[in-house]
C-alpha cells in the first residue's frame, strides 16, 4: 500500500480540490441539511468509492479526498474518462 506523508487535516480532507475523483462520495453529499458551524458534523471523513462501495478503491488504495486527487491513480483517470 502506498504511504502518504503526514498531512494537515485541511489538506488531507479537502473536498474542494479541482482534481478530486468523480467516484469519491461521502455522507454529506446525501444530507440535505444546511451547514451550521455551531453543530459538529457527524459525516466528516466517511468516504467511499462508487465502484467498490467501500473505503478502499479499485486499486486497493485508501478512498479519501487527498488520495483520490492524485493524478497518478489509474482508477481516478478511468472515472474521469467515464464521466465525460
Protein backbone atom coordinates (compact mmCIF):
# COMPACT_ATOMS: atom_id res chain seq x y z
CA UNK A 1 0.00 0.00 0.00
CA UNK A 2 1.30 3.43 -0.92
CA UNK A 3 2.21 5.60 2.07
CA UNK A 4 1.48 9.34 2.06
CA UNK A 5 3.34 11.95 4.08
CA UNK A 6 1.76 13.28 7.26
CA UNK A 7 -0.67 15.93 6.13
CA UNK A 8 -2.64 18.60 7.88
CA UNK A 9 -6.35 17.93 8.34
CA UNK A 10 -7.20 20.75 5.92
CA UNK A 11 -5.08 19.21 3.14
CA UNK A 12 -6.00 15.55 3.69
CA UNK A 13 -9.76 16.11 3.75
CA UNK A 14 -10.10 18.99 1.26
CA UNK A 15 -13.18 18.12 -0.78
CA UNK A 16 -12.81 21.27 -2.89
CA UNK A 17 -9.78 20.10 -4.86
CA UNK A 18 -10.28 20.58 -8.62
CA UNK A 19 -8.53 17.22 -9.16
CA UNK A 20 -10.82 15.14 -6.95
CA UNK A 21 -12.06 11.87 -8.43
CA UNK A 22 -15.71 11.94 -9.53
CA UNK A 23 -16.17 8.46 -7.98
CA UNK A 24 -15.42 9.74 -4.46
CA UNK A 25 -18.56 10.02 -2.35
CA UNK A 26 -19.27 10.96 1.25
CA UNK A 27 -22.26 11.03 3.53
CA UNK A 28 -22.60 14.81 3.40
CA UNK A 29 -23.47 14.66 -0.30
CA UNK A 30 -26.72 12.93 0.61
CA UNK A 31 -27.67 15.01 3.66
CA UNK A 32 -29.98 17.88 2.65
CA UNK A 33 -29.20 19.99 5.73
CA UNK A 34 -27.68 23.45 5.56
CA UNK A 35 -24.19 23.79 7.04
CA UNK A 36 -24.30 25.00 10.65
CA UNK A 37 -20.84 25.78 12.08
CA UNK A 38 -22.18 25.55 15.64
CA UNK A 39 -23.04 21.85 15.18
CA UNK A 40 -20.33 19.23 14.92
CA UNK A 41 -20.59 17.28 11.69
CA UNK A 42 -21.35 13.59 12.05
CA UNK A 43 -20.40 12.84 8.45
CA UNK A 44 -16.79 14.01 8.41
CA UNK A 45 -14.33 11.56 6.91
CA UNK A 46 -16.78 8.86 5.89
CA UNK A 47 -15.75 8.32 2.27
CA UNK A 48 -16.32 5.50 -0.21
CA UNK A 49 -15.77 4.78 -3.87
CA UNK A 50 -18.72 4.48 -6.25
CA UNK A 51 -17.10 1.47 -7.89
CA UNK A 52 -16.18 -0.58 -4.80
CA UNK A 53 -18.77 0.80 -2.35
CA UNK A 54 -16.05 0.66 0.34
CA UNK A 55 -13.30 2.87 1.74
CA UNK A 56 -10.81 1.01 -0.47
CA UNK A 57 -10.66 1.92 -4.16
CA UNK A 58 -10.34 -0.40 -7.16
CA UNK A 59 -6.55 -0.02 -6.93
CA UNK A 60 -6.57 -1.14 -3.26
CA UNK A 61 -5.76 2.41 -2.19
CA UNK A 62 -7.43 4.46 0.53
CA UNK A 63 -10.51 6.43 -0.51
CA UNK A 64 -10.32 10.00 0.81
CA UNK A 65 -10.02 13.42 -0.84
CA UNK A 66 -6.21 13.73 -0.84
CA UNK A 67 -5.58 10.21 -2.11
CA UNK A 68 -8.40 10.46 -4.66
CA UNK A 69 -6.97 13.69 -6.06
CA UNK A 70 -3.65 12.10 -7.07
CA UNK A 71 -3.36 12.23 -10.86
CA UNK A 72 -1.31 9.02 -10.96
CA UNK A 73 -4.17 6.82 -9.69
CA UNK A 74 -5.39 4.69 -12.59
CA UNK A 75 -8.87 4.35 -11.11
CA UNK A 76 -9.19 8.17 -10.94
CA UNK A 77 -8.21 8.50 -14.60
CA UNK A 78 -10.76 5.83 -15.58
CA UNK A 79 -13.51 7.51 -13.55
CA UNK A 80 -12.80 10.84 -15.26
CA UNK A 81 -12.96 9.17 -18.68
CA UNK A 82 -16.30 7.55 -17.83
CA UNK A 83 -17.78 10.80 -16.51
CA UNK A 84 -17.19 12.65 -19.80
